[in-house]
Amino acid sequence: MQLQVARIGKPHGIRGEVTVQVLTDAPSERFVAGTEFVVEPASAGPLTIRSARWNKDILLLGFEEIADRNAAEVIRGAKLFIETEELDDEDDDEGWYEHELVGLEARVGSRVVGKVAALTTLPVQDLLTVKTDDGKEILVPFVEEIVPEVNVEGGYILITPPTGLFEINDDNPKEPKDDAGDDVE
């Protein structure tokens, strides 16, 4: 199985470097010269790292296969993957990868409020994007107080949202109801 570790952003400079959205907790281990990535779409890869450097808080990668800015523009938006056999199993209890969470039902109590659409990894805390049945996207802080249970085998996450979390972006706010029609607190 493959694990996504980055998404390629815009070109940087004229020598084929690109910005990347880092999707791994260990960028210093994953982005070293000589590392080869499986790429989606497949027509853009595979790609081998020539150089990796930080410019402020942005990781810049150069690839052996990308010589100039024009070639870098072609791979914009591509996703970089590694084979999971390369991963250490010792960190299994520390968290979840996006591919494990996307598609899980999001529940408040026993009521399904949507499905997990994405996981955004940020320096301070991660955010889950929950897509509701009516198409709205709600950002849920992925912390134990708000998401106390992740049951990958059962196909759901349990959310204990603070008041207003699901109404904050709603033009017609409604209090969430449980199965009995009572307000959820």
N, C-alpha and C. Protein backbone atom coordinates (compact mmCIF):
# COMPACT_ATOMS: atom_id res chain seq x y z
N MET A 1 0.84 -1.18 0.00
CA MET A 1 0.00 0.00 0.00
C MET A 1 0.89 1.25 0.00
N GLN A 2 0.34 2.32 -0.55
CA GLN A 2 1.11 3.56 -0.64
C GLN A 2 0.55 4.60 0.31
N LEU A 3 1.45 5.45 0.80
CA LEU A 3 1.09 6.52 1.72
C LEU A 3 1.48 7.85 1.11
N GLN A 4 0.52 8.78 1.03
CA GLN A 4 0.83 10.10 0.48
C GLN A 4 1.62 10.90 1.51
N VAL A 5 2.76 11.48 1.07
CA VAL A 5 3.59 12.27 1.97
C VAL A 5 3.67 13.74 1.58
N ALA A 6 3.22 14.08 0.35
CA ALA A 6 3.27 15.49 -0.07
C ALA A 6 2.39 15.72 -1.29
N ARG A 7 2.06 16.98 -1.49
CA ARG A 7 1.37 17.43 -2.71
C ARG A 7 2.22 18.57 -3.28
N ILE A 8 2.50 18.49 -4.57
CA ILE A 8 3.35 19.48 -5.22
C ILE A 8 2.58 20.76 -5.46
N GLY A 9 3.20 21.87 -5.12
CA GLY A 9 2.60 23.19 -5.31
C GLY A 9 3.19 23.89 -6.52
N LYS A 10 3.32 25.19 -6.40
CA LYS A 10 3.77 25.99 -7.55
C LYS A 10 5.29 25.92 -7.71
N PRO A 11 5.75 26.20 -8.93
CA PRO A 11 7.19 26.25 -9.18
C PRO A 11 7.84 27.39 -8.38
N HIS A 12 9.13 27.21 -8.09
CA HIS A 12 9.89 28.23 -7.37
C HIS A 12 11.20 28.44 -8.13
N GLY A 13 11.37 29.61 -8.67
CA GLY A 13 12.59 29.92 -9.42
C GLY A 13 12.55 29.31 -10.82
N ILE A 14 13.73 29.30 -11.47
CA ILE A 14 13.80 28.85 -12.87
C ILE A 14 14.48 27.49 -13.04
N ARG A 15 14.96 26.90 -11.96
CA ARG A 15 15.72 25.65 -12.06
C ARG A 15 14.90 24.41 -11.76
N GLY A 16 13.56 24.52 -11.76
CA GLY A 16 12.71 23.36 -11.61
C GLY A 16 12.31 23.00 -10.19
N GLU A 17 12.67 23.84 -9.22
CA GLU A 17 12.23 23.56 -7.85
C GLU A 17 10.73 23.83 -7.72
N VAL A 18 10.10 23.11 -6.79
CA VAL A 18 8.68 23.30 -6.52
C VAL A 18 8.45 23.42 -5.02
N THR A 19 7.38 24.13 -4.66
CA THR A 19 6.95 24.13 -3.27
C THR A 19 6.13 22.86 -3.06
N VAL A 20 6.09 22.36 -1.81
CA VAL A 20 5.28 21.18 -1.53
C VAL A 20 4.50 21.39 -0.24
N GLN A 21 3.30 20.83 -0.23
CA GLN A 21 2.51 20.75 0.99
C GLN A 21 2.94 19.45 1.65
N VAL A 22 3.56 19.55 2.81
CA VAL A 22 4.08 18.38 3.51
C VAL A 22 2.94 17.69 4.25
N LEU A 23 2.82 16.37 4.04
CA LEU A 23 1.76 15.59 4.68
C LEU A 23 2.34 14.46 5.51
N THR A 24 3.50 14.69 6.09
CA THR A 24 4.15 13.68 6.93
C THR A 24 4.70 14.36 8.17
N ASP A 25 4.81 13.59 9.25
CA ASP A 25 5.35 14.13 10.50
C ASP A 25 6.87 14.12 10.51
N ALA A 26 7.49 13.49 9.52
CA ALA A 26 8.95 13.35 9.50
C ALA A 26 9.54 13.82 8.17
N PRO A 27 9.39 15.12 7.86
CA PRO A 27 9.90 15.58 6.56
C PRO A 27 11.41 15.44 6.41
N SER A 28 12.17 15.57 7.49
CA SER A 28 13.63 15.47 7.38
C SER A 28 14.06 14.05 7.02
N GLU A 29 13.22 13.05 7.33
CA GLU A 29 13.53 11.67 6.97
C GLU A 29 13.00 11.30 5.59
N ARG A 30 11.89 11.88 5.19
CA ARG A 30 11.23 11.51 3.93
C ARG A 30 11.79 12.23 2.71
N PHE A 31 12.26 13.47 2.90
CA PHE A 31 12.68 14.29 1.76
C PHE A 31 14.18 14.49 1.76
N VAL A 32 14.90 13.43 1.37
CA VAL A 32 16.35 13.48 1.28
C VAL A 32 16.76 13.12 -0.15
N ALA A 33 17.90 13.66 -0.57
CA ALA A 33 18.39 13.40 -1.94
C ALA A 33 18.44 11.90 -2.21
N GLY A 34 17.95 11.52 -3.38
CA GLY A 34 17.96 10.13 -3.79
C GLY A 34 16.66 9.38 -3.52
N THR A 35 15.77 9.95 -2.71
CA THR A 35 14.49 9.31 -2.43
C THR A 35 13.62 9.34 -3.67
N GLU A 36 13.05 8.20 -4.02
CA GLU A 36 12.18 8.11 -5.19
C GLU A 36 10.74 7.97 -4.73
N PHE A 37 9.85 8.73 -5.38
CA PHE A 37 8.43 8.72 -5.04
C PHE A 37 7.60 8.17 -6.18
N VAL A 38 6.55 7.47 -5.81
CA VAL A 38 5.49 7.11 -6.75
C VAL A 38 4.64 8.36 -6.88
N VAL A 39 4.20 8.69 -8.10
CA VAL A 39 3.50 9.96 -8.32
C VAL A 39 2.11 9.69 -8.88
N GLU A 40 1.16 10.48 -8.43
CA GLU A 40 -0.18 10.47 -9.00
C GLU A 40 -0.45 11.85 -9.56
N PRO A 41 -0.70 12.02 -10.84
CA PRO A 41 -0.90 10.99 -11.85
C PRO A 41 0.42 10.30 -12.23
N ALA A 42 0.30 9.04 -12.63
CA ALA A 42 1.48 8.23 -12.96
C ALA A 42 2.30 8.83 -14.09
N SER A 43 1.66 9.59 -14.97
CA SER A 43 2.38 10.20 -16.10
C SER A 43 3.41 11.22 -15.64
N ALA A 44 3.32 11.71 -14.41
CA ALA A 44 4.26 12.70 -13.89
C ALA A 44 5.46 12.07 -13.20
N GLY A 45 5.49 10.78 -13.05
CA GLY A 45 6.57 10.19 -12.27
C GLY A 45 7.07 8.90 -12.85
N PRO A 46 7.91 8.21 -12.09
CA PRO A 46 8.32 8.50 -10.72
C PRO A 46 9.28 9.70 -10.66
N LEU A 47 9.41 10.27 -9.47
CA LEU A 47 10.29 11.42 -9.26
C LEU A 47 11.32 11.10 -8.19
N THR A 48 12.57 11.53 -8.43
CA THR A 48 13.66 11.30 -7.49
C THR A 48 14.17 12.66 -7.00
N ILE A 49 14.30 12.80 -5.68
CA ILE A 49 14.73 14.08 -5.11
C ILE A 49 16.19 14.35 -5.45
N ARG A 50 16.43 15.54 -6.00
CA ARG A 50 17.78 16.04 -6.27
C ARG A 50 18.22 16.92 -5.11
N SER A 51 17.27 17.76 -4.62
CA SER A 51 17.59 18.68 -3.52
C SER A 51 16.34 18.94 -2.69
N ALA A 52 16.56 19.23 -1.42
CA ALA A 52 15.46 19.59 -0.51
C ALA A 52 15.99 20.67 0.42
N ARG A 53 15.23 21.76 0.52
CA ARG A 53 15.64 22.85 1.41
C ARG A 53 14.40 23.60 1.87
N TRP A 54 14.56 24.25 3.01
CA TRP A 54 13.46 25.04 3.57
C TRP A 54 13.69 26.51 3.24
N ASN A 55 12.66 27.19 2.80
CA ASN A 55 12.66 28.63 2.59
C ASN A 55 11.59 29.17 3.53
N LYS A 56 12.03 29.67 4.68
CA LYS A 56 11.12 30.04 5.78
C LYS A 56 10.37 28.78 6.19
N ASP A 57 9.05 28.74 6.09
CA ASP A 57 8.28 27.57 6.49
C ASP A 57 7.84 26.72 5.30
N ILE A 58 8.43 26.94 4.14
CA ILE A 58 8.02 26.23 2.93
C ILE A 58 9.14 25.30 2.47
N LEU A 59 8.78 24.03 2.25
CA LEU A 59 9.76 23.07 1.75
C LEU A 59 9.84 23.19 0.24
N LEU A 60 11.06 23.31 -0.26
CA LEU A 60 11.30 23.37 -1.71
C LEU A 60 12.05 22.10 -2.12
N LEU A 61 11.52 21.43 -3.14
CA LEU A 61 12.16 20.21 -3.64
C LEU A 61 12.58 20.40 -5.09
N GLY A 62 13.74 19.86 -5.41
CA GLY A 62 14.20 19.76 -6.79
C GLY A 62 14.24 18.28 -7.14
N PHE A 63 13.81 17.93 -8.35
CA PHE A 63 13.80 16.53 -8.77
C PHE A 63 14.75 16.33 -9.93
N GLU A 64 15.39 15.17 -9.98
CA GLU A 64 16.33 14.87 -11.06
C GLU A 64 15.64 14.93 -12.42
N GLU A 65 14.36 14.58 -12.47
CA GLU A 65 13.63 14.52 -13.73
C GLU A 65 13.07 15.87 -14.18
N ILE A 66 13.16 16.91 -13.33
CA ILE A 66 12.57 18.22 -13.62
C ILE A 66 13.70 19.24 -13.73
N ALA A 67 13.92 19.74 -14.96
CA ALA A 67 15.09 20.60 -15.21
C ALA A 67 14.79 22.09 -15.15
N ASP A 68 13.53 22.49 -15.39
CA ASP A 68 13.26 23.92 -15.46
C ASP A 68 11.84 24.24 -14.96
N ARG A 69 11.54 25.52 -14.93
CA ARG A 69 10.25 25.99 -14.43
C ARG A 69 9.08 25.43 -15.24
N ASN A 70 9.23 25.33 -16.55
CA ASN A 70 8.14 24.81 -17.40
C ASN A 70 7.80 23.37 -17.02
N ALA A 71 8.81 22.55 -16.83
CA ALA A 71 8.58 21.15 -16.42
C ALA A 71 7.98 21.10 -15.02
N ALA A 72 8.41 22.02 -14.15
CA ALA A 72 7.86 22.07 -12.79
C ALA A 72 6.38 22.43 -12.80
N GLU A 73 5.98 23.29 -13.72
CA GLU A 73 4.57 23.68 -13.83
C GLU A 73 3.70 22.49 -14.23
N VAL A 74 4.23 21.60 -15.03
CA VAL A 74 3.47 20.43 -15.50
C VAL A 74 3.12 19.49 -14.34
N ILE A 75 3.98 19.39 -13.33
CA ILE A 75 3.71 18.46 -12.21
C ILE A 75 2.97 19.12 -11.05
N ARG A 76 2.59 20.38 -11.22
CA ARG A 76 1.85 21.08 -10.17
C ARG A 76 0.58 20.31 -9.81
N GLY A 77 0.35 20.12 -8.52
CA GLY A 77 -0.84 19.40 -8.05
C GLY A 77 -0.64 17.90 -7.92
N ALA A 78 0.48 17.38 -8.41
CA ALA A 78 0.73 15.94 -8.31
C ALA A 78 0.92 15.54 -6.85
N LYS A 79 0.61 14.30 -6.56
CA LYS A 79 0.75 13.77 -5.19
C LYS A 79 1.94 12.83 -5.14
N LEU A 80 2.72 12.93 -4.07
CA LEU A 80 3.90 12.09 -3.88
C LEU A 80 3.59 11.01 -2.85
N PHE A 81 3.91 9.75 -3.19
CA PHE A 81 3.63 8.61 -2.32
C PHE A 81 4.90 7.82 -2.06
N ILE A 82 4.94 7.16 -0.89
CA ILE A 82 5.97 6.17 -0.60
C ILE A 82 5.26 4.85 -0.35
N GLU A 83 6.00 3.76 -0.49
CA GLU A 83 5.45 2.44 -0.17
C GLU A 83 5.44 2.30 1.34
N THR A 84 4.35 1.79 1.91
CA THR A 84 4.24 1.69 3.37
C THR A 84 5.19 0.66 3.96
N GLU A 85 5.75 -0.24 3.14
CA GLU A 85 6.74 -1.19 3.66
C GLU A 85 7.96 -0.44 4.19
N GLU A 86 8.17 0.80 3.72
CA GLU A 86 9.31 1.60 4.18
C GLU A 86 9.08 2.19 5.56
N LEU A 87 7.84 2.11 6.06
CA LEU A 87 7.51 2.74 7.33
C LEU A 87 7.84 1.85 8.51
N ASP A 88 8.18 2.46 9.63
CA ASP A 88 8.38 1.73 10.87
C ASP A 88 7.03 1.45 11.50
N ASP A 89 6.86 0.25 12.06
CA ASP A 89 5.60 -0.10 12.70
C ASP A 89 5.50 0.42 14.13
N GLU A 90 6.57 0.97 14.67
CA GLU A 90 6.56 1.40 16.06
C GLU A 90 5.65 2.59 16.33
N ASP A 91 5.29 3.35 15.33
CA ASP A 91 4.46 4.54 15.53
C ASP A 91 2.97 4.28 15.30
N ASP A 92 2.55 3.01 15.16
CA ASP A 92 1.18 2.70 14.79
C ASP A 92 0.15 3.26 15.77
N ASP A 93 0.45 3.34 17.06
CA ASP A 93 -0.53 3.80 18.04
C ASP A 93 -0.54 5.32 18.20
N GLU A 94 0.31 6.03 17.49
CA GLU A 94 0.45 7.46 17.68
C GLU A 94 -0.55 8.30 16.91
N GLY A 95 -1.20 7.76 15.89
CA GLY A 95 -2.12 8.57 15.11
C GLY A 95 -2.63 7.83 13.90
N TRP A 96 -3.24 8.59 13.03
CA TRP A 96 -3.85 8.02 11.83
C TRP A 96 -3.37 8.77 10.60
N TYR A 97 -3.36 8.05 9.50
CA TYR A 97 -3.05 8.66 8.22
C TYR A 97 -4.36 9.06 7.54
N GLU A 98 -4.27 10.03 6.63
CA GLU A 98 -5.46 10.53 5.95
C GLU A 98 -6.23 9.40 5.27
N HIS A 99 -5.52 8.48 4.60
CA HIS A 99 -6.22 7.41 3.87
C HIS A 99 -7.00 6.50 4.81
N GLU A 100 -6.65 6.46 6.10
CA GLU A 100 -7.39 5.64 7.06
C GLU A 100 -8.68 6.34 7.51
N LEU A 101 -8.70 7.67 7.48
CA LEU A 101 -9.83 8.43 8.01
C LEU A 101 -10.86 8.83 6.96
N VAL A 102 -10.40 9.13 5.74
CA VAL A 102 -11.32 9.60 4.69
C VAL A 102 -12.36 8.53 4.41
N GLY A 103 -13.62 8.95 4.42
CA GLY A 103 -14.73 8.04 4.17
C GLY A 103 -15.42 7.52 5.42
N LEU A 104 -14.79 7.71 6.59
CA LEU A 104 -15.43 7.27 7.83
C LEU A 104 -16.64 8.15 8.13
N GLU A 105 -17.69 7.53 8.69
CA GLU A 105 -18.85 8.30 9.13
C GLU A 105 -18.43 9.17 10.31
N ALA A 106 -18.96 10.38 10.36
CA ALA A 106 -18.75 11.26 11.51
C ALA A 106 -20.06 11.23 12.30
N ARG A 107 -19.97 10.83 13.58
CA ARG A 107 -21.16 10.69 14.40
C ARG A 107 -21.10 11.61 15.61
N VAL A 108 -22.26 12.17 15.94
CA VAL A 108 -22.45 12.88 17.20
C VAL A 108 -23.44 12.01 17.96
N GLY A 109 -22.97 11.35 19.02
CA GLY A 109 -23.80 10.34 19.67
C GLY A 109 -24.00 9.20 18.68
N SER A 110 -25.24 8.81 18.45
CA SER A 110 -25.51 7.74 17.48
C SER A 110 -25.97 8.30 16.13
N ARG A 111 -26.01 9.64 16.02
CA ARG A 111 -26.49 10.28 14.79
C ARG A 111 -25.32 10.55 13.85
N VAL A 112 -25.48 10.15 12.58
CA VAL A 112 -24.46 10.40 11.56
C VAL A 112 -24.64 11.84 11.06
N VAL A 113 -23.57 12.65 11.15
CA VAL A 113 -23.64 14.05 10.73
C VAL A 113 -22.91 14.31 9.42
N GLY A 114 -22.19 13.31 8.92
CA GLY A 114 -21.47 13.47 7.67
C GLY A 114 -20.39 12.42 7.53
N LYS A 115 -19.46 12.67 6.62
CA LYS A 115 -18.33 11.77 6.38
C LYS A 115 -17.03 12.57 6.39
N VAL A 116 -15.97 11.94 6.84
CA VAL A 116 -14.66 12.57 6.83
C VAL A 116 -14.20 12.68 5.38
N ALA A 117 -13.89 13.92 4.96
CA ALA A 117 -13.47 14.16 3.58
C ALA A 117 -11.96 14.39 3.46
N ALA A 118 -11.32 14.85 4.55
CA ALA A 118 -9.88 15.14 4.47
C ALA A 118 -9.30 15.30 5.87
N LEU A 119 -7.99 15.18 5.95
CA LEU A 119 -7.23 15.46 7.16
C LEU A 119 -6.18 16.49 6.78
N THR A 120 -6.17 17.62 7.46
CA THR A 120 -5.18 18.66 7.21
C THR A 120 -4.22 18.68 8.40
N THR A 121 -2.95 18.45 8.11
CA THR A 121 -1.93 18.42 9.16
C THR A 121 -1.33 19.80 9.30
N LEU A 122 -1.43 20.36 10.50
CA LEU A 122 -0.92 21.70 10.78
C LEU A 122 0.08 21.63 11.93
N PRO A 123 0.92 22.65 12.10
CA PRO A 123 1.93 22.60 13.16
C PRO A 123 1.34 22.49 14.57
N VAL A 124 0.22 23.17 14.83
CA VAL A 124 -0.33 23.20 16.18
C VAL A 124 -1.27 22.02 16.42
N GLN A 125 -2.21 21.80 15.52
CA GLN A 125 -3.13 20.67 15.63
C GLN A 125 -3.66 20.34 14.25
N ASP A 126 -4.13 19.12 14.11
CA ASP A 126 -4.68 18.68 12.83
C ASP A 126 -6.17 19.02 12.78
N LEU A 127 -6.69 19.13 11.55
CA LEU A 127 -8.12 19.40 11.34
C LEU A 127 -8.71 18.32 10.44
N LEU A 128 -9.89 17.85 10.83
CA LEU A 128 -10.65 16.96 9.97
C LEU A 128 -11.66 17.80 9.20
N THR A 129 -11.83 17.52 7.93
CA THR A 129 -12.90 18.14 7.16
C THR A 129 -14.02 17.13 7.09
N VAL A 130 -15.18 17.51 7.65
CA VAL A 130 -16.35 16.64 7.62
C VAL A 130 -17.33 17.23 6.63
N LYS A 131 -17.72 16.42 5.64
CA LYS A 131 -18.69 16.86 4.64
C LYS A 131 -20.06 16.36 5.08
N THR A 132 -21.00 17.30 5.29
CA THR A 132 -22.33 16.95 5.74
C THR A 132 -23.17 16.47 4.56
N ASP A 133 -24.33 15.90 4.87
CA ASP A 133 -25.22 15.38 3.82
C ASP A 133 -25.67 16.47 2.86
N ASP A 134 -25.76 17.71 3.35
CA ASP A 134 -26.19 18.81 2.48
C ASP A 134 -25.02 19.49 1.77
N GLY A 135 -23.83 18.86 1.83
CA GLY A 135 -22.68 19.35 1.06
C GLY A 135 -21.79 20.37 1.75
N LYS A 136 -22.12 20.74 2.97
CA LYS A 136 -21.28 21.72 3.69
C LYS A 136 -20.02 21.02 4.21
N GLU A 137 -18.93 21.77 4.27
CA GLU A 137 -17.69 21.25 4.83
C GLU A 137 -17.44 21.92 6.17
N ILE A 138 -17.31 21.13 7.22
CA ILE A 138 -17.09 21.61 8.57
C ILE A 138 -15.68 21.20 8.99
N LEU A 139 -14.90 22.14 9.49
CA LEU A 139 -13.57 21.85 10.00
C LEU A 139 -13.67 21.50 11.47
N VAL A 140 -13.17 20.32 11.82
CA VAL A 140 -13.25 19.82 13.19
C VAL A 140 -11.84 19.65 13.73
N PRO A 141 -11.49 20.35 14.82
CA PRO A 141 -10.16 20.14 15.41
C PRO A 141 -9.99 18.67 15.80
N PHE A 142 -8.92 18.06 15.33
CA PHE A 142 -8.68 16.64 15.57
C PHE A 142 -7.90 16.48 16.87
N VAL A 143 -8.61 16.75 17.97
CA VAL A 143 -8.05 16.61 19.31
C VAL A 143 -8.95 15.68 20.11
N GLU A 144 -8.40 15.03 21.11
CA GLU A 144 -9.13 14.00 21.86
C GLU A 144 -10.40 14.52 22.53
N GLU A 145 -10.40 15.78 22.95
CA GLU A 145 -11.58 16.33 23.62
C GLU A 145 -12.77 16.43 22.66
N ILE A 146 -12.51 16.64 21.36
CA ILE A 146 -13.59 16.81 20.38
C ILE A 146 -13.81 15.54 19.58
N VAL A 147 -12.75 14.77 19.34
CA VAL A 147 -12.87 13.49 18.62
C VAL A 147 -12.32 12.41 19.56
N PRO A 148 -13.14 11.98 20.53
CA PRO A 148 -12.65 11.04 21.53
C PRO A 148 -12.49 9.60 21.03
N GLU A 149 -13.13 9.27 19.89
CA GLU A 149 -13.04 7.89 19.40
C GLU A 149 -12.89 7.87 17.89
N VAL A 150 -11.90 7.10 17.44
CA VAL A 150 -11.72 6.80 16.02
C VAL A 150 -11.78 5.29 15.91
N ASN A 151 -12.79 4.80 15.20
CA ASN A 151 -12.97 3.36 15.04
C ASN A 151 -12.89 3.03 13.55
N VAL A 152 -11.67 2.80 13.08
CA VAL A 152 -11.46 2.53 11.66
C VAL A 152 -12.16 1.24 11.26
N GLU A 153 -12.05 0.21 12.10
CA GLU A 153 -12.68 -1.07 11.80
C GLU A 153 -14.19 -0.93 11.74
N GLY A 154 -14.77 -0.11 12.63
CA GLY A 154 -16.22 0.10 12.66
C GLY A 154 -16.70 1.11 11.62
N GLY A 155 -15.76 1.85 11.01
CA GLY A 155 -16.11 2.78 9.95
C GLY A 155 -16.64 4.12 10.42
N TYR A 156 -16.24 4.57 11.61
CA TYR A 156 -16.75 5.85 12.10
C TYR A 156 -15.77 6.54 13.04
N ILE A 157 -16.02 7.85 13.21
CA ILE A 157 -15.40 8.62 14.28
C ILE A 157 -16.53 9.19 15.12
N LEU A 158 -16.27 9.34 16.40
CA LEU A 158 -17.25 9.94 17.31
C LEU A 158 -16.79 11.36 17.62
N ILE A 159 -17.71 12.31 17.45
CA ILE A 159 -17.40 13.72 17.69
C ILE A 159 -18.24 14.23 18.85
N THR A 160 -17.62 14.95 19.78
CA THR A 160 -18.35 15.65 20.83
C THR A 160 -18.10 17.14 20.61
N PRO A 161 -18.88 17.73 19.68
CA PRO A 161 -18.59 19.09 19.25
C PRO A 161 -18.96 20.13 20.31
N PRO A 162 -18.14 21.18 20.41
CA PRO A 162 -18.54 22.30 21.26
C PRO A 162 -19.74 23.00 20.61
N THR A 163 -20.50 23.70 21.40
CA THR A 163 -21.68 24.39 20.91
C THR A 163 -21.31 25.28 19.72
N GLY A 164 -22.08 25.12 18.64
CA GLY A 164 -21.90 25.97 17.47
C GLY A 164 -20.93 25.46 16.43
N LEU A 165 -20.19 24.37 16.70
CA LEU A 165 -19.19 23.90 15.74
C LEU A 165 -19.81 23.59 14.38
N PHE A 166 -20.95 22.94 14.36
CA PHE A 166 -21.57 22.58 13.09
C PHE A 166 -22.43 23.70 12.53
N GLU A 167 -22.66 24.76 13.29
CA GLU A 167 -23.49 25.86 12.81
C GLU A 167 -22.68 27.08 12.41
N ILE A 168 -21.39 27.08 12.69
CA ILE A 168 -20.59 28.29 12.52
C ILE A 168 -20.59 28.80 11.08
N ASN A 169 -20.65 27.90 10.09
CA ASN A 169 -20.65 28.33 8.68
C ASN A 169 -22.01 28.19 8.04
N ASP A 170 -23.04 28.01 8.86
CA ASP A 170 -24.38 27.75 8.34
C ASP A 170 -25.20 29.03 8.37
N ASP A 171 -25.85 29.33 7.25
CA ASP A 171 -26.72 30.51 7.19
C ASP A 171 -28.03 30.31 7.96
N ASN A 172 -28.45 29.05 8.11
CA ASN A 172 -29.68 28.72 8.83
C ASN A 172 -29.34 27.79 9.98
N PRO A 173 -28.74 28.31 11.07
CA PRO A 173 -28.28 27.44 12.14
C PRO A 173 -29.42 26.69 12.81
N LYS A 174 -29.14 25.42 13.12
CA LYS A 174 -30.07 24.57 13.87
C LYS A 174 -29.25 23.86 14.92
N GLU A 175 -29.85 23.61 16.08
CA GLU A 175 -29.17 22.84 17.10
C GLU A 175 -29.12 21.39 16.64
N PRO A 176 -27.98 20.70 16.80
CA PRO A 176 -27.96 19.29 16.45
C PRO A 176 -28.89 18.51 17.36
N LYS A 177 -29.55 17.53 16.81
CA LYS A 177 -30.48 16.70 17.56
C LYS A 177 -29.94 15.28 17.62
N ASP A 178 -30.25 14.60 18.74
CA ASP A 178 -29.89 13.19 18.79
C ASP A 178 -31.04 12.38 18.22
N ASP A 179 -30.98 11.04 18.31
CA ASP A 179 -32.00 10.19 17.71
C ASP A 179 -33.39 10.42 18.28
N ALA A 180 -33.47 10.88 19.53
CA ALA A 180 -34.76 11.11 20.16
C ALA A 180 -35.32 12.50 19.84
N GLY A 181 -34.57 13.31 19.08
CA GLY A 181 -35.01 14.65 18.73
C GLY A 181 -34.66 15.69 19.77
N ASP A 182 -33.88 15.30 20.78
CA ASP A 182 -33.46 16.23 21.84
C ASP A 182 -32.20 16.97 21.42
N ASP A 183 -32.03 18.19 21.96
CA ASP A 183 -30.82 18.95 21.68
C ASP A 183 -29.63 18.22 22.22
N VAL A 184 -28.53 18.23 21.45
CA VAL A 184 -27.27 17.63 21.89
C VAL A 184 -26.45 18.73 22.54
N GLU A 185 -25.90 18.45 23.71
CA GLU A 185 -25.11 19.47 24.40
C GLU A 185 -23.68 19.08 24.47
